[in-house]
Amino acid sequence: MSDKIKASELFIQCLEAEGVEYIFGVPGEENLDFLDSLSRSETIKLILTRHEQGAGFMAATYGRHTGRTGVCLATLGPGATNFVTAAAYAQLGGMPMMMITGQKPIKKSKQGRFQILDVVAMMGPITKYAHQLAAGDNIPSRVREAFRVAEEEKPGAVHLELPEDIAEEKTDSRPIPKSIARRPSAEVKAVRQAVKAIEAAKAPVLVIGAGANRKMTGRMLNQFIAKTGIPFVTTQMGKGVIDERHPLFLGCAALSSGDFCHRAIEDADCIVNVGHDVIEKPPFFMKQNGVTVIHLSTRTAEVDPVYFPQIEVIGDIANAIWQIKEDIVPSGRWKFDHMLEYRKAEVAHTSGLADDTRFPIFPPHLVTATRAAMPEEAIICLDNGVYKIWYARGYTAYLPNTVLLDNALATMGAGLPSAMMSAMIYPDRKVMAICGDGGFMMNSQEMETAVRLKLNMTVLILRDDSYGMIRWKQANMGFADFGLTYGNPDFVKYAESYGANGHRVESAAHLAELLAHCRDTPGVHLIDCPVDYSENDRILNHDIKELSAKL
């Protein structure tokens, strides 16, 4: 029949119908039909990366910024196994992402068991949906279902396997149009219960988590706080939902406990937990002590030894906050003075440290220098290391999704690809990847991709020639310093070998100059910044806890 098309053509049509803009990946032999069909798409661009993990991190970050599913492509076997970390990153971090992998023919053997793994079974535990396409006719329904599942709350990773012989099949199926689905609104009686509990409290507090990082939620929270005057704490992945210059901001729960903001939460008798996810390190541990916890989210609370809220308000978060705001009457007996004192003490402590202009660079000064150099709407993308705690605590986030950090899987290697994706989506905004030397080297080959794509971005490498986070923990636990130091390439020459611009920090004043120069000069820049982590243990594990306990 003349109206039959190749299944791989149909697959591309289905992706086009979903509004896909990019496919990131490293194609292999088993993807060649798909690749050929993709070459004729007028709306989808292939972004070739140097490792599948980089492609996966980019696709996940696309999902994180846009709320739409990022798509990545790999071959069977080793290509698919290289997606595993990125799949877990998207799944735990709540980022919609689709992985498409190839496979040998399933109807007849081509090369025995060469390179064949059960990829669908492998992806099952770390995705929301994993499926092998066994007939061209089924592609539209499977693709539509995968996108639906990836994007509905809580967003996450999905996987489709396209075997070679299915890709070349002929089919007369056509794409299924996207459906319109609105999230249900919170139930009125649940809202009333929450309002009564907040009104009855003496010192309520808001804790804003990863799930609140959605459109409209920040706006509604701002209105709620303006009406009630209730102060707020954020988790690491809730940073920027509300502008942290707000006078009622109590800090970010970057440490596990004992920080100034944890003391403020301990002062509360009613905690309103907005978009909380037990995947993140908890900002507080619930005990059987009479503190009322209200769980406000799109999904019911997973009961955990440290989390078992008494009141749950389930539905679209922005709408639920609006409903509560409309109903609530601010109470004259609410007292927040003590909570706000903790914040004042934290700011005083941090600003004292930030004035230290030693070299190698002191982390609190580094954070302040970065914030001073970055415009309001700029985006920083943190890799994983001890500096993440310094940035989460000390870097003031002004807007949602301007501090991209991963406090869910907390993987190394995602800082550079997530910054590359941010620079692609927002070419008019300043973007900086902030990586330890360890995390940077895990996906440093993507520097070539960044240069090839002509991106404008800066990569700030914090060099301590060791796996600093684990070394800090090792010292904290009283173990001897062992097994965590290494050598590094000359990062300036390394950047230049890719066609990027390399710079090396020589003093605190020089750091400020370089940050401004790289911000204002187009192209890909790398800054090698030596850091002094010698006081991490004293400050983060002892001083902060002792100072906050005295208050």
Protein backbone atom coordinates (compact mmCIF):
# COMPACT_ATOMS: atom_id res chain seq x y z
CA MET A 1 0.00 0.00 0.00
CA SER A 2 1.29 3.44 -0.91
CA ASP A 3 0.28 5.15 2.38
CA LYS A 4 2.47 2.83 4.48
CA ILE A 5 5.61 4.37 5.95
CA LYS A 6 8.63 2.97 7.72
CA ALA A 7 8.15 2.53 11.49
CA SER A 8 11.17 4.73 12.20
CA GLU A 9 9.51 7.53 10.15
CA LEU A 10 6.37 7.09 12.24
CA PHE A 11 8.43 7.27 15.44
CA ILE A 12 9.90 10.62 14.36
CA GLN A 13 6.40 11.90 13.43
CA CYS A 14 5.21 10.92 16.92
CA LEU A 15 8.10 12.84 18.52
CA GLU A 16 7.32 15.85 16.32
CA ALA A 17 3.67 15.68 17.43
CA GLU A 18 4.90 15.84 21.05
CA GLY A 19 6.81 19.04 20.29
CA VAL A 20 10.31 17.55 20.67
CA GLU A 21 13.02 20.09 19.73
CA TYR A 22 16.22 18.13 20.35
CA ILE A 23 17.46 14.57 20.57
CA PHE A 24 20.76 14.24 22.43
CA GLY A 25 22.85 11.18 21.98
CA VAL A 26 25.46 8.86 20.58
CA PRO A 27 23.85 6.75 17.82
CA GLY A 28 25.00 3.22 17.00
CA GLU A 29 24.49 0.66 14.25
CA GLU A 30 21.10 -0.36 15.65
CA ASN A 31 19.80 3.23 15.42
CA LEU A 32 20.59 3.82 11.73
CA ASP A 33 16.98 3.58 10.44
CA PHE A 34 15.91 5.97 13.19
CA LEU A 35 18.84 8.29 12.43
CA ASP A 36 18.00 8.31 8.72
CA SER A 37 14.38 9.24 9.48
CA LEU A 38 15.57 11.91 11.95
CA SER A 39 17.80 13.47 9.25
CA ARG A 40 14.63 14.47 7.35
CA SER A 41 12.86 16.07 10.33
CA GLU A 42 12.38 19.82 9.95
CA THR A 43 11.67 20.45 13.62
CA ILE A 44 13.94 18.11 15.62
CA LYS A 45 17.66 18.74 15.85
CA LEU A 46 20.18 16.00 16.68
CA ILE A 47 22.75 17.07 19.29
CA LEU A 48 25.66 14.64 19.08
CA THR A 49 27.47 14.29 22.44
CA ARG A 50 30.71 12.53 23.37
CA HIS A 51 29.22 10.16 25.93
CA GLU A 52 25.69 8.88 26.52
CA GLN A 53 25.77 10.10 30.12
CA GLY A 54 26.24 13.69 28.92
CA ALA A 55 23.31 13.24 26.51
CA GLY A 56 21.12 11.91 29.33
CA PHE A 57 22.01 14.75 31.70
CA MET A 58 21.24 17.28 28.95
CA ALA A 59 17.86 15.68 28.21
CA ALA A 60 16.98 15.61 31.93
CA THR A 61 17.94 19.28 32.34
CA TYR A 62 15.79 20.19 29.33
CA GLY A 63 12.91 18.55 31.21
CA ARG A 64 13.78 20.34 34.43
CA HIS A 65 13.72 23.78 32.78
CA THR A 66 10.73 23.37 30.48
CA GLY A 67 8.49 20.74 32.12
CA ARG A 68 8.48 18.99 28.71
CA THR A 69 10.18 15.67 28.09
CA GLY A 70 13.83 15.81 27.05
CA VAL A 71 14.78 13.02 24.62
CA CYS A 72 18.07 11.13 24.31
CA LEU A 73 19.26 8.31 22.05
CA ALA A 74 21.76 5.46 22.43
CA THR A 75 22.50 2.11 20.90
CA LEU A 76 22.01 -1.27 22.59
CA GLY A 77 24.34 -2.84 25.19
CA PRO A 78 27.08 -0.42 26.30
CA GLY A 79 25.22 2.61 24.90
CA ALA A 80 22.15 1.76 26.96
CA THR A 81 24.13 0.95 30.13
CA ASN A 82 25.76 4.39 29.90
CA PHE A 83 22.26 5.89 30.29
CA VAL A 84 21.67 4.30 33.69
CA THR A 85 23.08 7.13 35.84
CA ALA A 86 21.24 9.80 33.82
CA ALA A 87 18.00 7.80 34.13
CA ALA A 88 18.36 7.68 37.91
CA TYR A 89 19.25 11.40 37.96
CA ALA A 90 16.02 12.28 36.12
CA GLN A 91 13.90 9.79 38.05
CA LEU A 92 14.97 10.86 41.54
CA GLY A 93 15.20 14.55 40.61
CA GLY A 94 11.68 14.70 39.10
CA MET A 95 12.77 15.62 35.56
CA PRO A 96 10.78 14.36 32.54
CA MET A 97 13.14 12.49 30.20
CA MET A 98 12.79 9.81 27.51
CA MET A 99 15.55 7.41 26.55
CA ILE A 100 15.36 5.66 23.18
CA THR A 101 17.72 2.73 22.72
CA GLY A 102 18.31 0.40 19.79
CA GLN A 103 18.29 -3.39 19.86
CA LYS A 104 19.20 -6.30 17.58
CA PRO A 105 16.32 -7.78 15.51
CA ILE A 106 13.82 -9.58 17.73
CA LYS A 107 12.15 -11.73 15.06
CA LYS A 108 15.31 -13.50 13.89
CA SER A 109 18.86 -13.75 15.20
CA LYS A 110 21.49 -11.64 13.49
CA GLN A 111 24.63 -12.08 15.60
CA GLY A 112 23.70 -14.57 18.31
CA ARG A 113 23.74 -12.91 21.73
CA PHE A 114 26.46 -10.37 20.83
CA GLN A 115 25.95 -7.14 22.84
CA ILE A 116 22.46 -8.24 23.90
CA LEU A 117 21.26 -7.33 27.39
CA ASP A 118 17.71 -7.17 28.69
CA VAL A 119 17.75 -3.37 28.66
CA VAL A 120 14.02 -3.02 29.38
CA ALA A 121 14.36 -5.12 32.55
CA MET A 122 17.48 -3.15 33.51
CA MET A 123 15.62 0.18 33.13
CA GLY A 124 12.48 -1.02 34.94
CA PRO A 125 13.52 -0.17 38.52
CA ILE A 126 14.91 3.30 37.66
CA THR A 127 12.17 4.61 35.33
CA LYS A 128 8.43 5.24 35.46
CA TYR A 129 7.88 3.24 32.25
CA ALA A 130 10.12 0.95 30.17
CA HIS A 131 8.88 -0.83 27.06
CA GLN A 132 10.17 -2.73 24.02
CA LEU A 133 8.41 -1.76 20.78
CA ALA A 134 7.46 -5.09 19.22
CA ALA A 135 5.32 -3.80 16.31
CA GLY A 136 5.39 -0.65 14.20
CA ASP A 137 1.62 -0.27 14.55
CA ASN A 138 1.95 0.20 18.33
CA ILE A 139 4.48 3.02 18.21
CA PRO A 140 1.96 5.93 18.46
CA SER A 141 0.23 4.61 21.57
CA ARG A 142 3.51 3.67 23.29
CA VAL A 143 5.15 7.03 22.57
CA ARG A 144 2.07 8.98 23.73
CA GLU A 145 1.85 6.89 26.91
CA ALA A 146 5.58 7.34 27.62
CA PHE A 147 5.33 11.13 27.30
CA ARG A 148 2.19 11.25 29.44
CA VAL A 149 3.83 9.24 32.21
CA ALA A 150 7.13 11.16 32.03
CA GLU A 151 5.42 14.53 32.50
CA GLU A 152 2.73 13.80 35.06
CA GLU A 153 3.61 14.42 38.72
CA LYS A 154 6.12 13.35 39.88
CA PRO A 155 7.93 13.71 36.53
CA GLY A 156 10.68 11.24 35.73
CA ALA A 157 12.44 8.98 33.25
CA VAL A 158 10.88 6.66 30.65
CA HIS A 159 12.51 4.25 28.21
CA LEU A 160 11.54 2.87 24.80
CA GLU A 161 13.56 0.20 23.01
CA LEU A 162 13.33 0.17 19.21
CA PRO A 163 14.69 -3.07 17.71
CA GLU A 164 16.27 -2.92 14.24
CA ASP A 165 13.69 -5.07 12.48
CA ILE A 166 10.76 -3.14 14.00
CA ALA A 167 12.34 0.18 12.90
CA GLU A 168 12.30 -0.91 9.24
CA GLU A 169 8.77 -2.40 9.29
CA LYS A 170 6.07 -0.72 7.20
CA THR A 171 2.99 0.62 8.98
CA ASP A 172 -0.09 2.71 8.23
CA SER A 173 -0.47 3.91 11.87
CA ARG A 174 -0.28 7.65 12.56
CA PRO A 175 0.63 9.74 15.66
CA ILE A 176 -1.90 10.12 18.48
CA PRO A 177 -2.48 13.82 19.35
CA LYS A 178 -1.47 15.02 22.83
CA SER A 179 -4.30 15.03 25.33
CA ILE A 180 -5.07 17.96 27.62
CA ALA A 181 -4.90 16.94 31.27
CA ARG A 182 -5.38 19.35 34.16
CA ARG A 183 -4.13 18.40 37.61
CA PRO A 184 -6.94 17.89 40.13
CA SER A 185 -7.46 20.60 42.74
CA ALA A 186 -7.07 19.99 46.46
CA GLU A 187 -10.24 18.94 48.25
CA VAL A 188 -12.03 21.72 50.18
CA LYS A 189 -12.24 19.85 53.51
CA ALA A 190 -8.50 19.09 53.45
CA VAL A 191 -7.79 22.77 52.83
CA ARG A 192 -10.06 23.77 55.76
CA GLN A 193 -8.27 21.31 58.07
CA ALA A 194 -4.89 22.79 57.11
CA VAL A 195 -6.14 26.36 57.65
CA LYS A 196 -7.47 25.50 61.11
CA ALA A 197 -4.14 23.92 62.10
CA ILE A 198 -2.11 26.93 60.88
CA GLU A 199 -4.44 29.42 62.59
CA ALA A 200 -4.24 27.48 65.87
CA ALA A 201 -0.42 27.39 65.86
CA LYS A 202 1.84 29.77 67.78
CA ALA A 203 4.79 29.64 65.36
CA PRO A 204 4.03 28.16 61.93
CA VAL A 205 6.77 27.89 59.29
CA LEU A 206 6.85 27.03 55.57
CA VAL A 207 9.35 24.52 54.18
CA ILE A 208 9.60 24.77 50.39
CA GLY A 209 10.85 21.66 48.58
CA ALA A 210 11.64 20.39 45.08
CA GLY A 211 7.98 19.77 44.16
CA ALA A 212 7.21 23.48 44.58
CA ASN A 213 9.56 24.31 41.69
CA ARG A 214 6.70 24.48 39.19
CA LYS A 215 5.02 27.29 37.25
CA MET A 216 2.71 29.54 39.29
CA THR A 217 3.72 28.03 42.65
CA GLY A 218 6.23 30.77 43.48
CA ARG A 219 3.67 33.45 42.66
CA MET A 220 1.03 31.87 44.92
CA LEU A 221 3.54 31.36 47.74
CA ASN A 222 4.55 35.02 47.54
CA GLN A 223 0.91 36.05 47.90
CA PHE A 224 0.42 33.62 50.81
CA ILE A 225 3.51 34.94 52.66
CA ALA A 226 2.51 38.57 51.97
CA LYS A 227 -0.89 37.96 53.54
CA THR A 228 0.21 35.85 56.53
CA GLY A 229 3.79 36.97 57.29
CA ILE A 230 4.77 33.33 57.88
CA PRO A 231 8.55 32.83 57.32
CA PHE A 232 10.00 30.13 55.06
CA VAL A 233 12.94 27.73 54.72
CA THR A 234 13.90 26.02 51.46
CA THR A 235 15.45 22.65 50.73
CA GLN A 236 18.36 22.60 48.29
CA MET A 237 16.08 21.81 45.34
CA GLY A 238 13.51 24.39 46.46
CA LYS A 239 16.01 27.25 46.11
CA GLY A 240 14.71 30.20 44.12
CA VAL A 241 11.00 29.31 44.22
CA ILE A 242 10.76 32.54 46.23
CA ASP A 243 13.38 35.30 46.00
CA GLU A 244 15.79 34.65 48.88
CA ARG A 245 16.25 38.40 49.45
CA HIS A 246 12.77 38.23 51.05
CA PRO A 247 12.84 39.49 54.67
CA LEU A 248 11.05 36.32 55.83
CA PHE A 249 13.59 33.90 54.30
CA LEU A 250 15.14 31.75 57.06
CA GLY A 251 17.80 29.95 55.01
CA CYS A 252 18.37 26.81 52.96
CA ALA A 253 18.64 23.42 54.66
CA ALA A 254 21.95 22.41 53.04
CA LEU A 255 23.45 20.62 56.03
CA SER A 256 21.67 17.60 57.50
CA SER A 257 21.06 19.22 60.90
CA GLY A 258 22.24 21.76 63.44
CA ASP A 259 22.33 24.76 61.09
CA PHE A 260 20.64 28.08 61.95
CA CYS A 261 17.63 27.25 59.76
CA HIS A 262 17.20 23.85 61.44
CA ARG A 263 16.95 25.63 64.81
CA ALA A 264 14.27 27.89 63.33
CA ILE A 265 12.29 24.83 62.17
CA GLU A 266 12.68 23.31 65.65
CA ASP A 267 11.06 26.47 67.08
CA ALA A 268 7.92 25.90 64.98
CA ASP A 269 4.84 24.09 66.26
CA CYS A 270 3.29 23.75 62.78
CA ILE A 271 5.35 22.97 59.68
CA VAL A 272 3.72 23.50 56.27
CA ASN A 273 5.74 21.29 53.94
CA VAL A 274 5.28 22.45 50.33
CA GLY A 275 6.28 20.00 47.58
CA HIS A 276 8.31 17.86 49.97
CA ASP A 277 9.98 14.72 48.64
CA VAL A 278 11.71 12.19 50.91
CA ILE A 279 14.26 11.70 48.08
CA GLU A 280 15.92 14.93 49.25
CA LYS A 281 17.89 14.96 52.47
CA PRO A 282 15.12 15.90 54.92
CA PRO A 283 15.20 19.47 56.30
CA PHE A 284 13.77 18.11 59.56
CA PHE A 285 13.08 14.76 61.19
CA MET A 286 9.56 14.23 62.45
CA LYS A 287 9.22 12.81 65.94
CA GLN A 288 6.19 11.93 68.05
CA ASN A 289 6.37 15.32 69.77
CA GLY A 290 3.15 17.06 68.91
CA VAL A 291 4.46 19.29 66.11
CA THR A 292 1.79 19.38 63.40
CA VAL A 293 3.10 18.71 59.90
CA ILE A 294 0.96 19.63 56.89
CA HIS A 295 1.95 17.89 53.67
CA LEU A 296 1.00 20.02 50.69
CA SER A 297 1.81 18.26 47.43
CA THR A 298 0.57 16.69 44.22
CA ARG A 299 1.06 13.25 45.73
CA THR A 300 0.31 11.72 49.10
CA ALA A 301 3.23 11.49 51.53
CA GLU A 302 5.34 8.37 51.44
CA VAL A 303 5.46 7.32 55.08
CA ASP A 304 9.03 7.16 56.32
CA PRO A 305 10.52 6.68 59.83
CA VAL A 306 11.23 10.43 59.84
CA TYR A 307 8.15 11.63 57.93
CA PHE A 308 4.51 10.84 58.70
CA PRO A 309 2.47 14.08 58.36
CA GLN A 310 -0.85 14.38 60.20
CA ILE A 311 -2.62 16.51 57.56
CA GLU A 312 -2.32 16.06 53.80
CA VAL A 313 -3.56 18.52 51.16
CA ILE A 314 -3.22 16.76 47.82
CA GLY A 315 -3.64 18.37 44.39
CA ASP A 316 -2.12 21.08 42.24
CA ILE A 317 0.25 22.85 44.68
CA ALA A 318 -0.25 26.40 43.38
CA ASN A 319 -4.02 26.00 43.58
CA ALA A 320 -3.86 24.51 47.09
CA ILE A 321 -1.77 27.45 48.34
CA TRP A 322 -4.22 29.86 46.74
CA GLN A 323 -7.15 28.10 48.44
CA ILE A 324 -5.42 28.23 51.84
CA LYS A 325 -4.48 31.91 51.33
CA GLU A 326 -8.09 32.83 50.49
CA ASP A 327 -9.44 31.08 53.60
CA ILE A 328 -6.82 31.89 56.25
CA VAL A 329 -7.10 34.69 58.81
CA PRO A 330 -3.64 35.70 60.13
CA SER A 331 -3.41 35.16 63.88
CA GLY A 332 -2.34 37.86 66.32
CA ARG A 333 -0.63 35.28 68.53
CA TRP A 334 1.84 34.05 65.90
CA LYS A 335 5.42 34.80 66.99
CA PHE A 336 8.34 34.66 64.56
CA ASP A 337 10.95 36.88 66.28
CA HIS A 338 13.11 33.99 67.47
CA MET A 339 13.13 32.29 64.05
CA LEU A 340 14.20 35.54 62.38
CA GLU A 341 17.00 35.98 64.96
CA TYR A 342 18.52 32.71 63.76
CA ARG A 343 18.59 34.07 60.21
CA LYS A 344 20.25 37.31 61.36
CA ALA A 345 22.91 35.29 63.18
CA GLU A 346 23.54 33.15 60.08
CA VAL A 347 23.93 36.19 57.83
CA ALA A 348 26.35 37.79 60.32
CA HIS A 349 28.41 34.58 60.56
CA THR A 350 28.55 34.07 56.79
CA SER A 351 29.42 37.67 55.94
CA GLY A 352 32.35 37.51 58.37
CA LEU A 353 33.69 34.44 56.56
CA ALA A 354 33.02 35.86 53.09
CA ASP A 355 35.40 38.78 53.75
CA ASP A 356 38.35 36.35 53.97
CA THR A 357 40.34 36.97 50.76
CA ARG A 358 43.03 34.31 51.28
CA PHE A 359 44.51 32.31 48.41
CA PRO A 360 43.78 29.50 47.50
CA ILE A 361 40.22 30.83 47.57
CA PHE A 362 38.11 30.36 50.72
CA PRO A 363 34.70 28.80 49.84
CA PRO A 364 32.50 31.47 51.55
CA HIS A 365 34.35 34.21 49.64
CA LEU A 366 34.03 32.21 46.42
CA VAL A 367 30.22 32.02 46.81
CA THR A 368 29.92 35.78 47.43
CA ALA A 369 32.20 36.58 44.47
CA THR A 370 30.12 34.33 42.19
CA ARG A 371 26.84 35.95 43.26
CA ALA A 372 28.29 39.44 42.77
CA ALA A 373 29.42 38.55 39.23
CA MET A 374 26.17 36.91 38.10
CA PRO A 375 23.16 38.99 36.94
CA GLU A 376 19.70 38.51 38.45
CA GLU A 377 18.43 35.95 35.90
CA ALA A 378 21.78 34.11 35.51
CA ILE A 379 21.87 30.33 36.00
CA ILE A 380 24.48 28.40 37.97
CA CYS A 381 24.65 24.61 37.57
CA LEU A 382 26.43 22.80 40.38
CA ASP A 383 28.12 19.46 40.02
CA ASN A 384 28.47 17.42 43.21
CA GLY A 385 30.93 18.09 45.99
CA VAL A 386 31.38 19.86 49.29
CA TYR A 387 31.06 23.27 47.58
CA LYS A 388 27.39 22.41 46.95
CA ILE A 389 26.77 22.94 50.67
CA TRP A 390 28.53 26.33 50.61
CA TYR A 391 26.52 27.45 47.55
CA ALA A 392 23.18 26.14 48.84
CA ARG A 393 23.71 27.97 52.15
CA GLY A 394 25.31 31.16 50.88
CA TYR A 395 24.32 31.83 47.26
CA THR A 396 21.18 33.98 47.22
CA ALA A 397 18.76 32.62 44.60
CA TYR A 398 16.50 35.29 43.09
CA LEU A 399 14.42 33.27 40.60
CA PRO A 400 13.20 29.66 40.15
CA ASN A 401 15.57 27.26 38.38
CA THR A 402 18.53 29.63 38.57
CA VAL A 403 20.46 27.37 40.96
CA LEU A 404 20.45 23.90 39.41
CA LEU A 405 21.82 21.41 41.87
CA ASP A 406 21.08 17.75 42.37
CA ASN A 407 20.17 16.80 45.92
CA ALA A 408 18.32 13.64 44.86
CA LEU A 409 20.72 11.22 43.17
CA ALA A 410 23.52 13.72 43.92
CA THR A 411 25.66 12.38 41.10
CA MET A 412 29.00 13.73 39.99
CA GLY A 413 29.45 14.62 36.32
CA ALA A 414 26.17 16.45 35.65
CA GLY A 415 27.34 20.04 36.20
CA LEU A 416 28.83 20.65 32.75
CA PRO A 417 26.02 19.00 30.68
CA SER A 418 23.28 20.75 32.70
CA ALA A 419 24.98 24.12 32.13
CA MET A 420 25.29 23.36 28.40
CA MET A 421 21.56 22.65 28.22
CA SER A 422 20.78 25.83 30.17
CA ALA A 423 22.90 27.87 27.74
CA MET A 424 21.04 26.30 24.79
CA ILE A 425 17.57 27.00 26.21
CA TYR A 426 18.41 30.50 27.43
CA PRO A 427 21.02 31.95 25.02
CA ASP A 428 20.42 35.46 26.42
CA ARG A 429 21.16 34.54 30.03
CA LYS A 430 24.56 34.12 31.69
CA VAL A 431 25.27 30.48 32.56
CA MET A 432 28.00 28.98 34.73
CA ALA A 433 28.85 25.37 35.54
CA ILE A 434 30.48 25.06 38.97
CA CYS A 435 32.36 21.78 39.27
CA GLY A 436 34.92 20.17 41.51
CA ASP A 437 37.94 18.83 39.66
CA GLY A 438 36.61 15.30 40.32
CA GLY A 439 33.11 15.87 38.94
CA PHE A 440 34.37 17.90 35.97
CA MET A 441 36.71 15.12 34.81
CA MET A 442 33.82 12.61 34.78
CA ASN A 443 32.28 14.31 31.72
CA SER A 444 34.95 16.79 30.66
CA GLN A 445 34.82 15.45 27.08
CA GLU A 446 31.58 17.42 26.61
CA MET A 447 33.74 20.56 26.41
CA GLU A 448 34.11 19.60 22.74
CA THR A 449 30.30 19.51 22.36
CA ALA A 450 29.96 22.92 24.04
CA VAL A 451 32.55 24.47 21.70
CA ARG A 452 30.99 22.81 18.63
CA LEU A 453 27.56 24.17 19.59
CA LYS A 454 29.12 27.66 19.96
CA LEU A 455 27.65 28.05 23.44
CA ASN A 456 28.32 31.05 25.69
CA MET A 457 29.10 29.75 29.17
CA THR A 458 31.72 29.56 31.90
CA VAL A 459 32.99 26.43 33.64
CA LEU A 460 34.39 27.23 37.09
CA ILE A 461 36.56 24.36 38.32
CA LEU A 462 37.23 24.30 42.08
CA ARG A 463 40.54 22.48 42.29
CA ASP A 464 41.70 20.77 45.46
CA ASP A 465 43.29 17.74 43.72
CA SER A 466 41.14 15.31 45.69
CA TYR A 467 37.63 13.96 46.19
CA GLY A 468 37.11 16.72 48.73
CA MET A 469 33.62 15.88 50.01
CA ILE A 470 34.61 12.33 50.99
CA ARG A 471 37.93 13.55 52.37
CA TRP A 472 36.02 15.99 54.59
CA LYS A 473 33.80 13.13 55.86
CA GLN A 474 36.89 10.93 56.35
CA ALA A 475 38.46 13.60 58.59
CA ASN A 476 35.17 14.16 60.40
CA MET A 477 34.92 10.45 61.24
CA GLY A 478 38.44 10.44 62.64
CA PHE A 479 39.96 8.29 59.89
CA ALA A 480 43.47 8.81 58.50
CA ASP A 481 43.72 10.78 55.22
CA PHE A 482 43.90 7.96 52.66
CA GLY A 483 42.91 7.04 49.11
CA LEU A 484 41.25 10.26 47.93
CA THR A 485 43.95 12.43 46.31
CA TYR A 486 44.97 12.54 42.64
CA GLY A 487 46.72 14.67 40.02
CA ASN A 488 45.02 16.90 37.43
CA PRO A 489 45.76 18.02 33.89
CA ASP A 490 46.76 21.63 33.26
CA PHE A 491 43.15 22.81 33.00
CA VAL A 492 44.05 25.97 31.04
CA LYS A 493 45.83 23.96 28.33
CA TYR A 494 43.08 21.33 28.51
CA ALA A 495 40.41 23.98 27.76
CA GLU A 496 42.50 25.45 24.95
CA SER A 497 42.95 22.02 23.36
CA TYR A 498 39.17 21.93 22.85
CA GLY A 499 39.12 25.45 21.41
CA ALA A 500 37.77 26.96 24.64
CA ASN A 501 39.32 29.82 26.62
CA GLY A 502 41.36 28.82 29.68
CA HIS A 503 42.04 31.02 32.73
CA ARG A 504 43.74 30.44 36.09
CA VAL A 505 42.89 32.31 39.30
CA GLU A 506 45.90 33.86 41.03
CA SER A 507 44.24 35.80 43.90
CA ALA A 508 40.83 36.71 45.31
CA ALA A 509 40.90 40.02 43.41
CA HIS A 510 41.85 38.17 40.24
CA LEU A 511 38.90 35.79 40.72
CA ALA A 512 36.46 38.74 40.60
CA GLU A 513 38.16 40.05 37.42
CA LEU A 514 38.02 36.66 35.70
CA LEU A 515 34.36 36.07 36.60
CA ALA A 516 33.44 39.43 35.08
CA HIS A 517 35.62 38.90 31.99
CA CYS A 518 34.16 35.44 31.26
CA ARG A 519 30.61 36.70 31.86
CA ASP A 520 31.06 39.52 29.34
CA THR A 521 33.08 37.66 26.68
CA PRO A 522 31.27 35.26 24.31
CA GLY A 523 32.37 31.64 23.94
CA VAL A 524 33.18 28.74 26.25
CA HIS A 525 35.43 29.69 29.19
CA LEU A 526 37.09 27.51 31.80
CA ILE A 527 38.42 28.97 35.07
CA ASP A 528 40.87 26.88 37.12
CA CYS A 529 40.27 28.07 40.69
CA PRO A 530 42.35 26.57 43.52
CA VAL A 531 40.28 26.31 46.72
CA ASP A 532 41.16 26.02 50.39
CA TYR A 533 38.92 23.40 52.01
CA SER A 534 41.04 23.12 55.20
CA GLU A 535 38.36 24.66 57.43
CA ASN A 536 35.32 22.79 56.05
CA ASP A 537 35.19 20.43 59.01
CA ARG A 538 35.63 23.13 61.68
CA ILE A 539 33.05 25.52 60.21
CA LEU A 540 30.38 23.15 58.87
CA ASN A 541 30.52 20.46 61.55
CA HIS A 542 31.40 22.44 64.69
CA ASP A 543 31.18 26.26 64.56
CA ILE A 544 27.73 26.50 62.95
CA LYS A 545 26.21 23.91 65.30
CA GLU A 546 27.73 25.52 68.40
CA LEU A 547 26.79 29.09 67.41
CA SER A 548 23.19 28.17 66.51
CA ALA A 549 22.80 26.09 69.71
CA LYS A 550 23.76 29.11 71.84
CA LEU A 551 20.85 31.11 70.42
